[in-house]
Amino acid sequence: MLFAWIGYLKDKARPIPQEVNRQTSAFLEQPYIKIRSVGPLFDGDGSRAAMLLIFEADNREAAQAFVANSPYQNAGLYERYALHEYRNEIG
């Protein structure tokens, strides 16, 4: 199954601390969950507003367990976040 996870950054979460970026690289390179796409989302001013992660997991519980270990989330950088099942229709 595909899942999309969006984490909306707190205003004071920018810039992202270098240590969190290093932890995030290791988090995304893990071999168990296939990452389809990951990257920042920007607001109308061109500022980083959120992060989007699209990945494969066997079920919702596995997806929730994976994102629970996000370095951004563990560092308290998100104002709010959401996990959704994602169904790619084109591409």
PDB file of N, CA and C in Angstrom:
ATOM      1  N   MET A   1       0.842  -1.176   0.000  1.00  0.00           N
ATOM      2  CA  MET A   1       0.000   0.000   0.000  1.00  0.00           C
ATOM      3  C   MET A   1       0.888   1.241   0.000  1.00  0.00           C
ATOM      4  N   LEU A   2       0.391   2.292  -0.626  1.00  0.00           N
ATOM      5  CA  LEU A   2       1.096   3.570  -0.607  1.00  0.00           C
ATOM      6  C   LEU A   2       0.492   4.487   0.458  1.00  0.00           C
ATOM      7  N   PHE A   3       1.359   5.258   1.097  1.00  0.00           N
ATOM      8  CA  PHE A   3       0.930   6.225   2.092  1.00  0.00           C
ATOM      9  C   PHE A   3       1.603   7.559   1.825  1.00  0.00           C
ATOM     10  N   ALA A   4       0.886   8.625   2.137  1.00  0.00           N
ATOM     11  CA  ALA A   4       1.437   9.979   2.077  1.00  0.00           C
ATOM     12  C   ALA A   4       1.410  10.542   3.481  1.00  0.00           C
ATOM     13  N   TRP A   5       2.516  11.112   3.862  1.00  0.00           N
ATOM     14  CA  TRP A   5       2.635  11.719   5.171  1.00  0.00           C
ATOM     15  C   TRP A   5       3.052  13.162   4.974  1.00  0.00           C
ATOM     16  N   ILE A   6       2.306  14.078   5.544  1.00  0.00           N
ATOM     17  CA  ILE A   6       2.603  15.499   5.438  1.00  0.00           C
ATOM     18  C   ILE A   6       2.782  16.044   6.849  1.00  0.00           C
ATOM     19  N   GLY A   7       3.923  16.673   7.070  1.00  0.00           N
ATOM     20  CA  GLY A   7       4.203  17.331   8.344  1.00  0.00           C
ATOM     21  C   GLY A   7       4.328  18.822   8.107  1.00  0.00           C
ATOM     22  N   TYR A   8       3.487  19.612   8.779  1.00  0.00           N
ATOM     23  CA  TYR A   8       3.502  21.067   8.635  1.00  0.00           C
ATOM     24  C   TYR A   8       4.435  21.665   9.684  1.00  0.00           C
ATOM     25  N   LEU A   9       5.440  22.380   9.219  1.00  0.00           N
ATOM     26  CA  LEU A   9       6.464  22.924  10.105  1.00  0.00           C
ATOM     27  C   LEU A   9       5.956  24.077  10.949  1.00  0.00           C
ATOM     28  N   LYS A  10       6.444  24.125  12.171  1.00  0.00           N
ATOM     29  CA  LYS A  10       6.205  25.290  13.019  1.00  0.00           C
ATOM     30  C   LYS A  10       6.992  26.458  12.430  1.00  0.00           C
ATOM     31  N   ASP A  11       6.520  27.678  12.618  1.00  0.00           N
ATOM     32  CA  ASP A  11       7.231  28.850  12.100  1.00  0.00           C
ATOM     33  C   ASP A  11       8.663  28.930  12.594  1.00  0.00           C
ATOM     34  N   LYS A  12       8.880  28.553  13.852  1.00  0.00           N
ATOM     35  CA  LYS A  12      10.211  28.663  14.428  1.00  0.00           C
ATOM     36  C   LYS A  12      11.083  27.444  14.130  1.00  0.00           C
ATOM     37  N   ALA A  13      10.600  26.532  13.293  1.00  0.00           N
ATOM     38  CA  ALA A  13      11.352  25.322  12.963  1.00  0.00           C
ATOM     39  C   ALA A  13      12.328  25.564  11.807  1.00  0.00           C
ATOM     40  N   ARG A  14      12.345  26.760  11.289  1.00  0.00           N
ATOM     41  CA  ARG A  14      13.222  27.054  10.163  1.00  0.00           C
ATOM     42  C   ARG A  14      14.340  27.977  10.613  1.00  0.00           C
ATOM     43  N   PRO A  15      15.557  27.742  10.227  1.00  0.00           N
ATOM     44  CA  PRO A  15      16.054  26.628   9.422  1.00  0.00           C
ATOM     45  C   PRO A  15      16.104  25.323  10.230  1.00  0.00           C
ATOM     46  N   ILE A  16      16.143  24.227   9.510  1.00  0.00           N
ATOM     47  CA  ILE A  16      16.183  22.911  10.149  1.00  0.00           C
ATOM     48  C   ILE A  16      17.596  22.692  10.714  1.00  0.00           C
ATOM     49  N   PRO A  17      17.709  22.294  11.973  1.00  0.00           N
ATOM     50  CA  PRO A  17      19.029  22.040  12.552  1.00  0.00           C
ATOM     51  C   PRO A  17      19.808  20.974  11.765  1.00  0.00           C
ATOM     52  N   GLN A  18      21.106  21.192  11.596  1.00  0.00           N
ATOM     53  CA  GLN A  18      21.947  20.269  10.829  1.00  0.00           C
ATOM     54  C   GLN A  18      21.894  18.839  11.386  1.00  0.00           C
ATOM     55  N   GLU A  19      21.863  18.691  12.696  1.00  0.00           N
ATOM     56  CA  GLU A  19      21.815  17.348  13.284  1.00  0.00           C
ATOM     57  C   GLU A  19      20.530  16.625  12.875  1.00  0.00           C
ATOM     58  N   VAL A  20      19.423  17.338  12.821  1.00  0.00           N
ATOM     59  CA  VAL A  20      18.154  16.726  12.393  1.00  0.00           C
ATOM     60  C   VAL A  20      18.243  16.328  10.916  1.00  0.00           C
ATOM     61  N   ASN A  21      18.877  17.139  10.096  1.00  0.00           N
ATOM     62  CA  ASN A  21      19.064  16.779   8.680  1.00  0.00           C
ATOM     63  C   ASN A  21      19.911  15.522   8.541  1.00  0.00           C
ATOM     64  N   ARG A  22      20.963  15.390   9.343  1.00  0.00           N
ATOM     65  CA  ARG A  22      21.792  14.175   9.303  1.00  0.00           C
ATOM     66  C   ARG A  22      20.976  12.949   9.727  1.00  0.00           C
ATOM     67  N   GLN A  23      20.205  13.089  10.794  1.00  0.00           N
ATOM     68  CA  GLN A  23      19.371  11.977  11.256  1.00  0.00           C
ATOM     69  C   GLN A  23      18.332  11.606  10.201  1.00  0.00           C
ATOM     70  N   THR A  24      17.816  12.592   9.504  1.00  0.00           N
ATOM     71  CA  THR A  24      16.798  12.356   8.479  1.00  0.00           C
ATOM     72  C   THR A  24      17.376  11.566   7.316  1.00  0.00           C
ATOM     73  N   SER A  25      18.598  11.867   6.925  1.00  0.00           N
ATOM     74  CA  SER A  25      19.233  11.111   5.837  1.00  0.00           C
ATOM     75  C   SER A  25      19.314   9.631   6.193  1.00  0.00           C
ATOM     76  N   ALA A  26      19.737   9.327   7.415  1.00  0.00           N
ATOM     77  CA  ALA A  26      19.818   7.933   7.859  1.00  0.00           C
ATOM     78  C   ALA A  26      18.426   7.301   7.928  1.00  0.00           C
ATOM     79  N   PHE A  27      17.455   8.049   8.410  1.00  0.00           N
ATOM     80  CA  PHE A  27      16.068   7.581   8.515  1.00  0.00           C
ATOM     81  C   PHE A  27      15.533   7.184   7.131  1.00  0.00           C
ATOM     82  N   LEU A  28      15.804   7.992   6.122  1.00  0.00           N
ATOM     83  CA  LEU A  28      15.283   7.734   4.776  1.00  0.00           C
ATOM     84  C   LEU A  28      16.049   6.634   4.047  1.00  0.00           C
ATOM     85  N   GLU A  29      17.273   6.347   4.466  1.00  0.00           N
ATOM     86  CA  GLU A  29      18.080   5.321   3.805  1.00  0.00           C
ATOM     87  C   GLU A  29      17.839   3.919   4.359  1.00  0.00           C
ATOM     88  N   GLN A  30      16.972   3.788   5.356  1.00  0.00           N
ATOM     89  CA  GLN A  30      16.711   2.459   5.930  1.00  0.00           C
ATOM     90  C   GLN A  30      16.225   1.516   4.821  1.00  0.00           C
ATOM     91  N   PRO A  31      16.500   0.210   4.922  1.00  0.00           N
ATOM     92  CA  PRO A  31      16.187  -0.717   3.829  1.00  0.00           C
ATOM     93  C   PRO A  31      14.803  -1.375   3.880  1.00  0.00           C
ATOM     94  N   TYR A  32      13.985  -1.082   4.884  1.00  0.00           N
ATOM     95  CA  TYR A  32      12.761  -1.850   5.086  1.00  0.00           C
ATOM     96  C   TYR A  32      11.527  -1.255   4.433  1.00  0.00           C
ATOM     97  N   ILE A  33      11.456   0.047   4.341  1.00  0.00           N
ATOM     98  CA  ILE A  33      10.304   0.746   3.771  1.00  0.00           C
ATOM     99  C   ILE A  33      10.762   1.397   2.472  1.00  0.00           C
ATOM    100  N   LYS A  34      10.042   1.142   1.391  1.00  0.00           N
ATOM    101  CA  LYS A  34      10.410   1.733   0.102  1.00  0.00           C
ATOM    102  C   LYS A  34       9.868   3.161   0.036  1.00  0.00           C
ATOM    103  N   ILE A  35      10.775   4.113  -0.089  1.00  0.00           N
ATOM    104  CA  ILE A  35      10.406   5.515  -0.216  1.00  0.00           C
ATOM    105  C   ILE A  35      10.178   5.803  -1.687  1.00  0.00           C
ATOM    106  N   ARG A  36       9.023   6.332  -2.038  1.00  0.00           N
ATOM    107  CA  ARG A  36       8.708   6.687  -3.418  1.00  0.00           C
ATOM    108  C   ARG A  36       9.070   8.129  -3.736  1.00  0.00           C
ATOM    109  N   SER A  37       8.838   9.024  -2.788  1.00  0.00           N
ATOM    110  CA  SER A  37       9.127  10.440  -3.005  1.00  0.00           C
ATOM    111  C   SER A  37       9.201  11.131  -1.651  1.00  0.00           C
ATOM    112  N   VAL A  38      10.076  12.126  -1.554  1.00  0.00           N
ATOM    113  CA  VAL A  38      10.182  12.906  -0.334  1.00  0.00           C
ATOM    114  C   VAL A  38      10.715  14.288  -0.693  1.00  0.00           C
ATOM    115  N   GLY A  39      10.171  15.302  -0.047  1.00  0.00           N
ATOM    116  CA  GLY A  39      10.662  16.645  -0.294  1.00  0.00           C
ATOM    117  C   GLY A  39       9.844  17.700   0.416  1.00  0.00           C
ATOM    118  N   PRO A  40      10.356  18.931   0.394  1.00  0.00           N
ATOM    119  CA  PRO A  40       9.670  20.029   1.067  1.00  0.00           C
ATOM    120  C   PRO A  40       8.519  20.577   0.236  1.00  0.00           C
ATOM    121  N   LEU A  41       7.547  21.140   0.933  1.00  0.00           N
ATOM    122  CA  LEU A  41       6.454  21.889   0.314  1.00  0.00           C
ATOM    123  C   LEU A  41       6.644  23.351   0.709  1.00  0.00           C
ATOM    124  N   PHE A  42       6.399  24.272  -0.229  1.00  0.00           N
ATOM    125  CA  PHE A  42       6.652  25.687   0.008  1.00  0.00           C
ATOM    126  C   PHE A  42       5.360  26.485  -0.018  1.00  0.00           C
ATOM    127  N   ASP A  43       5.321  27.544   0.774  1.00  0.00           N
ATOM    128  CA  ASP A  43       4.139  28.416   0.789  1.00  0.00           C
ATOM    129  C   ASP A  43       4.265  29.467  -0.318  1.00  0.00           C
ATOM    130  N   GLY A  44       3.306  30.383  -0.388  1.00  0.00           N
ATOM    131  CA  GLY A  44       3.267  31.397  -1.432  1.00  0.00           C
ATOM    132  C   GLY A  44       4.439  32.356  -1.400  1.00  0.00           C
ATOM    133  N   ASP A  45       5.128  32.449  -0.262  1.00  0.00           N
ATOM    134  CA  ASP A  45       6.294  33.325  -0.129  1.00  0.00           C
ATOM    135  C   ASP A  45       7.598  32.608  -0.479  1.00  0.00           C
ATOM    136  N   GLY A  46       7.494  31.333  -0.829  1.00  0.00           N
ATOM    137  CA  GLY A  46       8.693  30.561  -1.140  1.00  0.00           C
ATOM    138  C   GLY A  46       9.399  30.007   0.075  1.00  0.00           C
ATOM    139  N   SER A  47       8.759  30.062   1.225  1.00  0.00           N
ATOM    140  CA  SER A  47       9.334  29.512   2.455  1.00  0.00           C
ATOM    141  C   SER A  47       8.910  28.057   2.621  1.00  0.00           C
ATOM    142  N   ARG A  48       9.801  27.249   3.160  1.00  0.00           N
ATOM    143  CA  ARG A  48       9.476  25.850   3.433  1.00  0.00           C
ATOM    144  C   ARG A  48       8.345  25.816   4.450  1.00  0.00           C
ATOM    145  N   ALA A  49       7.242  25.157   4.104  1.00  0.00           N
ATOM    146  CA  ALA A  49       6.064  25.116   4.961  1.00  0.00           C
ATOM    147  C   ALA A  49       5.784  23.719   5.521  1.00  0.00           C
ATOM    148  N   ALA A  50       6.215  22.692   4.795  1.00  0.00           N
ATOM    149  CA  ALA A  50       5.875  21.330   5.192  1.00  0.00           C
ATOM    150  C   ALA A  50       6.826  20.352   4.515  1.00  0.00           C
ATOM    151  N   MET A  51       6.733  19.108   4.935  1.00  0.00           N
ATOM    152  CA  MET A  51       7.462  18.016   4.283  1.00  0.00           C
ATOM    153  C   MET A  51       6.446  16.972   3.823  1.00  0.00           C
ATOM    154  N   LEU A  52       6.688  16.410   2.657  1.00  0.00           N
ATOM    155  CA  LEU A  52       5.833  15.376   2.079  1.00  0.00           C
ATOM    156  C   LEU A  52       6.665  14.120   1.887  1.00  0.00           C
ATOM    157  N   LEU A  53       6.130  12.996   2.312  1.00  0.00           N
ATOM    158  CA  LEU A  53       6.791  11.700   2.174  1.00  0.00           C
ATOM    159  C   LEU A  53       5.765  10.714   1.626  1.00  0.00           C
ATOM    160  N   ILE A  54       6.092  10.084   0.503  1.00  0.00           N
ATOM    161  CA  ILE A  54       5.235   9.041  -0.066  1.00  0.00           C
ATOM    162  C   ILE A  54       6.044   7.750  -0.015  1.00  0.00           C
ATOM    163  N   PHE A  55       5.454   6.718   0.585  1.00  0.00           N
ATOM    164  CA  PHE A  55       6.190   5.476   0.812  1.00  0.00           C
ATOM    165  C   PHE A  55       5.248   4.284   0.798  1.00  0.00           C
ATOM    166  N   GLU A  56       5.846   3.100   0.693  1.00  0.00           N
ATOM    167  CA  GLU A  56       5.098   1.845   0.710  1.00  0.00           C
ATOM    168  C   GLU A  56       5.183   1.214   2.097  1.00  0.00           C
ATOM    169  N   ALA A  57       4.070   0.652   2.532  1.00  0.00           N
ATOM    170  CA  ALA A  57       4.030  -0.126   3.778  1.00  0.00           C
ATOM    171  C   ALA A  57       2.957  -1.194   3.622  1.00  0.00           C
ATOM    172  N   ASP A  58       3.099  -2.264   4.375  1.00  0.00           N
ATOM    173  CA  ASP A  58       2.143  -3.371   4.271  1.00  0.00           C
ATOM    174  C   ASP A  58       0.740  -2.989   4.723  1.00  0.00           C
ATOM    175  N   ASN A  59       0.658  -2.085   5.719  1.00  0.00           N
ATOM    176  CA  ASN A  59      -0.640  -1.686   6.252  1.00  0.00           C
ATOM    177  C   ASN A  59      -0.479  -0.371   7.015  1.00  0.00           C
ATOM    178  N   ARG A  60      -1.585   0.164   7.475  1.00  0.00           N
ATOM    179  CA  ARG A  60      -1.570   1.453   8.169  1.00  0.00           C
ATOM    180  C   ARG A  60      -0.739   1.406   9.456  1.00  0.00           C
ATOM    181  N   GLU A  61      -0.822   0.305  10.177  1.00  0.00           N
ATOM    182  CA  GLU A  61      -0.058   0.185  11.416  1.00  0.00           C
ATOM    183  C   GLU A  61       1.436   0.269  11.144  1.00  0.00           C
ATOM    184  N   ALA A  62       1.901  -0.406  10.087  1.00  0.00           N
ATOM    185  CA  ALA A  62       3.322  -0.351   9.718  1.00  0.00           C
ATOM    186  C   ALA A  62       3.706   1.066   9.285  1.00  0.00           C
ATOM    187  N   ALA A  63       2.816   1.729   8.565  1.00  0.00           N
ATOM    188  CA  ALA A  63       3.074   3.106   8.135  1.00  0.00           C
ATOM    189  C   ALA A  63       3.183   4.037   9.344  1.00  0.00           C
ATOM    190  N   GLN A  64       2.284   3.879  10.302  1.00  0.00           N
ATOM    191  CA  GLN A  64       2.313   4.715  11.508  1.00  0.00           C
ATOM    192  C   GLN A  64       3.585   4.466  12.314  1.00  0.00           C
ATOM    193  N   ALA A  65       3.992   3.217  12.405  1.00  0.00           N
ATOM    194  CA  ALA A  65       5.210   2.892  13.146  1.00  0.00           C
ATOM    195  C   ALA A  65       6.425   3.529  12.473  1.00  0.00           C
ATOM    196  N   PHE A  66       6.451   3.531  11.145  1.00  0.00           N
ATOM    197  CA  PHE A  66       7.568   4.129  10.421  1.00  0.00           C
ATOM    198  C   PHE A  66       7.656   5.632  10.675  1.00  0.00           C
ATOM    199  N   VAL A  67       6.560   6.354  10.471  1.00  0.00           N
ATOM    200  CA  VAL A  67       6.616   7.821  10.621  1.00  0.00           C
ATOM    201  C   VAL A  67       6.776   8.250  12.076  1.00  0.00           C
ATOM    202  N   ALA A  68       6.459   7.378  13.009  1.00  0.00           N
ATOM    203  CA  ALA A  68       6.651   7.714  14.427  1.00  0.00           C
ATOM    204  C   ALA A  68       8.125   7.943  14.751  1.00  0.00           C
ATOM    205  N   ASN A  69       9.012   7.417  13.911  1.00  0.00           N
ATOM    206  CA  ASN A  69      10.450   7.564  14.124  1.00  0.00           C
ATOM    207  C   ASN A  69      11.067   8.705  13.325  1.00  0.00           C
ATOM    208  N   SER A  70      10.253   9.551  12.719  1.00  0.00           N
ATOM    209  CA  SER A  70      10.763  10.670  11.938  1.00  0.00           C
ATOM    210  C   SER A  70      11.594  11.610  12.808  1.00  0.00           C
ATOM    211  N   PRO A  71      12.824  11.915  12.399  1.00  0.00           N
ATOM    212  CA  PRO A  71      13.636  12.864  13.168  1.00  0.00           C
ATOM    213  C   PRO A  71      12.981  14.246  13.282  1.00  0.00           C
ATOM    214  N   TYR A  72      12.290  14.705  12.252  1.00  0.00           N
ATOM    215  CA  TYR A  72      11.601  16.000  12.326  1.00  0.00           C
ATOM    216  C   TYR A  72      10.533  15.958  13.417  1.00  0.00           C
ATOM    217  N   GLN A  73       9.780  14.869  13.444  1.00  0.00           N
ATOM    218  CA  GLN A  73       8.723  14.737  14.454  1.00  0.00           C
ATOM    219  C   GLN A  73       9.330  14.625  15.847  1.00  0.00           C
ATOM    220  N   ASN A  74      10.369  13.816  15.991  1.00  0.00           N
ATOM    221  CA  ASN A  74      10.995  13.633  17.299  1.00  0.00           C
ATOM    222  C   ASN A  74      11.651  14.912  17.812  1.00  0.00           C
ATOM    223  N   ALA A  75      12.061  15.796  16.902  1.00  0.00           N
ATOM    224  CA  ALA A  75      12.675  17.070  17.295  1.00  0.00           C
ATOM    225  C   ALA A  75      11.619  18.140  17.581  1.00  0.00           C
ATOM    226  N   GLY A  76      10.333  17.796  17.403  1.00  0.00           N
ATOM    227  CA  GLY A  76       9.261  18.741  17.692  1.00  0.00           C
ATOM    228  C   GLY A  76       9.141  19.866  16.671  1.00  0.00           C
ATOM    229  N   LEU A  77       9.529  19.612  15.412  1.00  0.00           N
ATOM    230  CA  LEU A  77       9.502  20.655  14.388  1.00  0.00           C
ATOM    231  C   LEU A  77       8.137  20.843  13.737  1.00  0.00           C
ATOM    232  N   TYR A  78       7.240  19.888  13.944  1.00  0.00           N
ATOM    233  CA  TYR A  78       5.927  19.958  13.285  1.00  0.00           C
ATOM    234  C   TYR A  78       4.870  20.597  14.160  1.00  0.00           C
ATOM    235  N   GLU A  79       4.100  21.457  13.523  1.00  0.00           N
ATOM    236  CA  GLU A  79       2.907  22.035  14.160  1.00  0.00           C
ATOM    237  C   GLU A  79       1.798  20.991  14.176  1.00  0.00           C
ATOM    238  N   ARG A  80       1.689  20.293  13.054  1.00  0.00           N
ATOM    239  CA  ARG A  80       0.722  19.203  12.911  1.00  0.00           C
ATOM    240  C   ARG A  80       1.188  18.313  11.771  1.00  0.00           C
ATOM    241  N   TYR A  81       0.638  17.122  11.718  1.00  0.00           N
ATOM    242  CA  TYR A  81       0.994  16.190  10.649  1.00  0.00           C
ATOM    243  C   TYR A  81      -0.170  15.245  10.414  1.00  0.00           C
ATOM    244  N   ALA A  82      -0.135  14.588   9.258  1.00  0.00           N
ATOM    245  CA  ALA A  82      -1.225  13.680   8.900  1.00  0.00           C
ATOM    246  C   ALA A  82      -0.678  12.541   8.047  1.00  0.00           C
ATOM    247  N   LEU A  83      -1.241  11.371   8.232  1.00  0.00           N
ATOM    248  CA  LEU A  83      -0.906  10.189   7.451  1.00  0.00           C
ATOM    249  C   LEU A  83      -2.155   9.783   6.681  1.00  0.00           C
ATOM    250  N   HIS A  84      -1.998   9.576   5.367  1.00  0.00           N
ATOM    251  CA  HIS A  84      -3.127   9.212   4.515  1.00  0.00           C
ATOM    252  C   HIS A  84      -2.740   8.047   3.618  1.00  0.00           C
ATOM    253  N   GLU A  85      -3.689   7.157   3.352  1.00  0.00           N
ATOM    254  CA  GLU A  85      -3.463   6.169   2.304  1.00  0.00           C
ATOM    255  C   GLU A  85      -3.459   6.949   0.985  1.00  0.00           C
ATOM    256  N   TYR A  86      -2.545   6.601   0.104  1.00  0.00           N
ATOM    257  CA  TYR A  86      -2.378   7.310  -1.167  1.00  0.00           C
ATOM    258  C   TYR A  86      -2.591   6.342  -2.317  1.00  0.00           C
ATOM    259  N   ARG A  87      -3.396   6.754  -3.274  1.00  0.00           N
ATOM    260  CA  ARG A  87      -3.636   5.924  -4.462  1.00  0.00           C
ATOM    261  C   ARG A  87      -3.234   6.726  -5.701  1.00  0.00           C
ATOM    262  N   ASN A  88      -2.100   6.345  -6.258  1.00  0.00           N
ATOM    263  CA  ASN A  88      -1.577   7.031  -7.433  1.00  0.00           C
ATOM    264  C   ASN A  88      -2.437   6.667  -8.647  1.00  0.00           C
ATOM    265  N   GLU A  89      -2.995   7.650  -9.318  1.00  0.00           N
ATOM    266  CA  GLU A  89      -3.848   7.395 -10.471  1.00  0.00           C
ATOM    267  C   GLU A  89      -3.157   7.661 -11.799  1.00  0.00           C
ATOM    268  N   ILE A  90      -2.166   8.524 -11.798  1.00  0.00           N
ATOM    269  CA  ILE A  90      -1.439   8.847 -13.039  1.00  0.00           C
ATOM    270  C   ILE A  90       0.052   8.896 -12.715  1.00  0.00           C
ATOM    271  N   GLY A  91       0.849   8.265 -13.559  1.00  0.00           N
ATOM    272  CA  GLY A  91       2.317   8.359 -13.403  1.00  0.00           C
ATOM    273  C   GLY A  91       2.943   7.154 -12.816  1.00  0.00           C
TER     274      GLY A  91
END
